[in-house]
């Protein structure tokens, strides 16, 4: 199991990246997690944005993941 080193979110409004308030410890847990209808406040534009796998960028010890909206 590769440990998670970073999870970032791409804001749906300003398109900037910021650290996710949701953190998942390893790749296996991330792959099986059902994340939907979560919201987070963007650190740049201060608007609420979706916080789901679609706009996640995750880095693991052995590679990474980018959502379909990133």
N, C-alpha and C. Protein backbone atom coordinates (compact mmCIF):
# COMPACT_ATOMS: atom_id res chain seq x y z
N UNK A 1 0.84 -1.19 0.00
CA UNK A 1 0.00 0.00 0.00
C UNK A 1 0.88 1.25 0.00
N UNK A 2 0.69 2.07 -1.01
CA UNK A 2 1.45 3.31 -1.10
C UNK A 2 0.76 4.39 -0.28
N UNK A 3 1.52 5.04 0.56
CA UNK A 3 0.98 6.10 1.40
C UNK A 3 0.72 7.37 0.58
N UNK A 4 -0.30 8.11 0.99
CA UNK A 4 -0.63 9.39 0.36
C UNK A 4 0.35 10.45 0.85
N UNK A 5 0.87 11.24 -0.08
CA UNK A 5 1.76 12.33 0.31
C UNK A 5 1.07 13.69 0.18
N UNK A 6 0.06 13.79 -0.70
CA UNK A 6 -0.63 15.07 -0.89
C UNK A 6 -1.94 14.84 -1.62
N UNK A 7 -2.98 15.60 -1.24
CA UNK A 7 -4.22 15.66 -2.00
C UNK A 7 -4.58 17.13 -2.17
N UNK A 8 -4.79 17.55 -3.40
CA UNK A 8 -5.16 18.93 -3.72
C UNK A 8 -6.48 18.94 -4.47
N UNK A 9 -7.16 20.08 -4.41
CA UNK A 9 -8.44 20.28 -5.09
C UNK A 9 -8.28 21.42 -6.08
N UNK A 10 -8.88 21.26 -7.25
CA UNK A 10 -8.91 22.35 -8.22
C UNK A 10 -10.26 23.04 -8.11
N UNK A 11 -10.24 24.33 -7.79
CA UNK A 11 -11.46 25.11 -7.61
C UNK A 11 -12.26 25.15 -8.92
N UNK A 12 -13.55 24.94 -8.80
CA UNK A 12 -14.45 24.98 -9.96
C UNK A 12 -14.66 26.40 -10.47
N UNK A 13 -14.32 27.39 -9.67
CA UNK A 13 -14.54 28.79 -10.04
C UNK A 13 -13.29 29.45 -10.61
N UNK A 14 -12.22 29.49 -9.82
CA UNK A 14 -11.00 30.19 -10.24
C UNK A 14 -9.96 29.25 -10.84
N UNK A 15 -10.18 27.91 -10.74
CA UNK A 15 -9.31 26.88 -11.32
C UNK A 15 -7.93 26.77 -10.65
N UNK A 16 -7.75 27.40 -9.51
CA UNK A 16 -6.50 27.28 -8.76
C UNK A 16 -6.54 26.03 -7.89
N UNK A 17 -5.36 25.49 -7.58
CA UNK A 17 -5.23 24.33 -6.70
C UNK A 17 -5.04 24.79 -5.25
N UNK A 18 -5.60 24.01 -4.31
CA UNK A 18 -5.38 24.26 -2.89
C UNK A 18 -5.44 22.93 -2.14
N UNK A 19 -4.84 22.85 -0.95
CA UNK A 19 -4.80 21.59 -0.20
C UNK A 19 -6.20 21.13 0.20
N UNK A 20 -6.45 19.85 0.08
CA UNK A 20 -7.74 19.27 0.42
C UNK A 20 -7.93 19.18 1.93
N UNK A 21 -9.14 19.51 2.43
CA UNK A 21 -9.41 19.28 3.85
C UNK A 21 -9.68 17.79 4.13
N UNK A 22 -9.91 17.02 3.06
CA UNK A 22 -10.13 15.58 3.18
C UNK A 22 -8.80 14.89 2.88
N UNK A 23 -8.35 14.06 3.79
CA UNK A 23 -7.09 13.35 3.57
C UNK A 23 -7.33 11.86 3.77
N UNK A 24 -6.85 11.08 2.83
CA UNK A 24 -6.99 9.63 2.88
C UNK A 24 -5.59 9.03 2.92
N UNK A 25 -5.35 8.13 3.85
CA UNK A 25 -4.00 7.68 4.18
C UNK A 25 -3.21 6.90 3.14
N UNK A 26 -3.89 6.12 2.28
CA UNK A 26 -3.13 5.33 1.32
C UNK A 26 -3.92 5.14 0.03
N UNK A 27 -3.24 4.63 -1.01
CA UNK A 27 -3.85 4.48 -2.34
C UNK A 27 -5.07 3.55 -2.30
N UNK A 28 -4.98 2.43 -1.60
CA UNK A 28 -6.09 1.49 -1.55
C UNK A 28 -7.33 2.14 -0.96
N UNK A 29 -7.18 2.87 0.14
CA UNK A 29 -8.32 3.56 0.75
C UNK A 29 -8.87 4.63 -0.18
N UNK A 30 -7.99 5.34 -0.87
CA UNK A 30 -8.42 6.37 -1.82
C UNK A 30 -9.21 5.74 -2.97
N UNK A 31 -8.70 4.64 -3.51
CA UNK A 31 -9.36 3.99 -4.64
C UNK A 31 -10.76 3.50 -4.30
N UNK A 32 -10.98 3.06 -3.08
CA UNK A 32 -12.28 2.53 -2.69
C UNK A 32 -13.19 3.56 -2.04
N UNK A 33 -12.70 4.76 -1.76
CA UNK A 33 -13.50 5.80 -1.11
C UNK A 33 -14.60 6.31 -2.04
N UNK A 34 -15.79 6.50 -1.50
CA UNK A 34 -16.90 7.08 -2.24
C UNK A 34 -17.01 8.55 -1.81
N UNK A 35 -16.48 9.43 -2.63
CA UNK A 35 -16.48 10.86 -2.30
C UNK A 35 -17.40 11.59 -3.27
N UNK A 36 -18.48 12.17 -2.75
CA UNK A 36 -19.38 12.94 -3.59
C UNK A 36 -20.14 13.93 -2.71
N UNK A 37 -20.56 15.02 -3.32
CA UNK A 37 -21.31 16.09 -2.64
C UNK A 37 -20.57 16.72 -1.47
N UNK A 38 -19.25 16.69 -1.50
CA UNK A 38 -18.45 17.38 -0.50
C UNK A 38 -18.14 18.79 -1.00
N UNK A 39 -17.99 19.73 -0.09
CA UNK A 39 -17.65 21.10 -0.44
C UNK A 39 -16.49 21.57 0.42
N UNK A 40 -15.69 22.45 -0.16
CA UNK A 40 -14.59 23.08 0.57
C UNK A 40 -14.48 24.52 0.10
N UNK A 41 -13.97 25.38 0.97
CA UNK A 41 -13.79 26.78 0.59
C UNK A 41 -12.42 26.95 -0.05
N UNK A 42 -12.42 27.52 -1.25
CA UNK A 42 -11.17 27.76 -1.97
C UNK A 42 -10.32 28.77 -1.20
N UNK A 43 -9.04 28.49 -1.11
CA UNK A 43 -8.12 29.40 -0.41
C UNK A 43 -7.83 30.66 -1.22
N UNK A 44 -8.14 30.63 -2.52
CA UNK A 44 -7.83 31.76 -3.40
C UNK A 44 -9.02 32.71 -3.58
N UNK A 45 -10.15 32.17 -4.08
CA UNK A 45 -11.31 33.04 -4.37
C UNK A 45 -12.34 33.04 -3.24
N UNK A 46 -12.16 32.17 -2.25
CA UNK A 46 -13.01 32.07 -1.06
C UNK A 46 -14.41 31.53 -1.34
N UNK A 47 -14.69 31.05 -2.56
CA UNK A 47 -15.99 30.46 -2.88
C UNK A 47 -15.99 28.99 -2.50
N UNK A 48 -17.18 28.46 -2.23
CA UNK A 48 -17.32 27.04 -1.96
C UNK A 48 -17.25 26.29 -3.29
N UNK A 49 -16.50 25.20 -3.29
CA UNK A 49 -16.31 24.41 -4.51
C UNK A 49 -16.45 22.94 -4.18
N UNK A 50 -16.76 22.15 -5.19
CA UNK A 50 -16.84 20.71 -5.01
C UNK A 50 -15.51 20.15 -4.54
N UNK A 51 -15.58 19.12 -3.74
CA UNK A 51 -14.39 18.48 -3.17
C UNK A 51 -14.57 16.98 -3.36
N UNK A 52 -14.53 16.56 -4.61
CA UNK A 52 -14.80 15.18 -4.98
C UNK A 52 -13.65 14.63 -5.82
N UNK A 53 -13.64 13.34 -6.07
CA UNK A 53 -12.55 12.75 -6.85
C UNK A 53 -12.41 13.37 -8.23
N UNK A 54 -13.48 13.93 -8.78
CA UNK A 54 -13.44 14.51 -10.12
C UNK A 54 -12.47 15.69 -10.20
N UNK A 55 -12.31 16.44 -9.12
CA UNK A 55 -11.39 17.58 -9.15
C UNK A 55 -10.25 17.44 -8.12
N UNK A 56 -9.90 16.18 -7.82
CA UNK A 56 -8.78 15.88 -6.93
C UNK A 56 -7.51 15.63 -7.73
N UNK A 57 -6.41 15.97 -7.12
CA UNK A 57 -5.09 15.56 -7.58
C UNK A 57 -4.43 14.95 -6.35
N UNK A 58 -4.13 13.67 -6.42
CA UNK A 58 -3.53 12.97 -5.27
C UNK A 58 -2.15 12.46 -5.65
N UNK A 59 -1.23 12.57 -4.72
CA UNK A 59 0.11 12.03 -4.92
C UNK A 59 0.34 10.95 -3.87
N UNK A 60 0.89 9.84 -4.35
CA UNK A 60 1.20 8.71 -3.49
C UNK A 60 2.69 8.41 -3.62
N UNK A 61 3.21 7.63 -2.71
CA UNK A 61 4.63 7.28 -2.74
C UNK A 61 5.03 6.63 -4.07
N UNK A 62 4.09 5.95 -4.71
CA UNK A 62 4.41 5.23 -5.95
C UNK A 62 3.76 5.82 -7.21
N UNK A 63 3.26 7.04 -7.15
CA UNK A 63 2.64 7.63 -8.33
C UNK A 63 1.56 8.62 -7.95
N UNK A 64 0.58 8.79 -8.85
CA UNK A 64 -0.45 9.79 -8.59
C UNK A 64 -1.79 9.46 -9.22
N UNK A 65 -2.74 10.36 -9.01
CA UNK A 65 -4.10 10.27 -9.52
C UNK A 65 -4.56 11.66 -9.87
N UNK A 66 -5.23 11.81 -11.01
CA UNK A 66 -5.86 13.08 -11.36
C UNK A 66 -7.29 12.80 -11.76
N UNK A 67 -8.21 13.57 -11.21
CA UNK A 67 -9.62 13.40 -11.53
C UNK A 67 -9.96 13.83 -12.95
N UNK A 68 -11.13 13.44 -13.40
CA UNK A 68 -11.54 13.71 -14.79
C UNK A 68 -11.77 15.18 -15.08
N UNK A 69 -12.04 16.00 -14.07
CA UNK A 69 -12.28 17.43 -14.26
C UNK A 69 -11.02 18.27 -14.08
N UNK A 70 -9.89 17.65 -13.87
CA UNK A 70 -8.67 18.40 -13.63
C UNK A 70 -7.89 18.51 -14.92
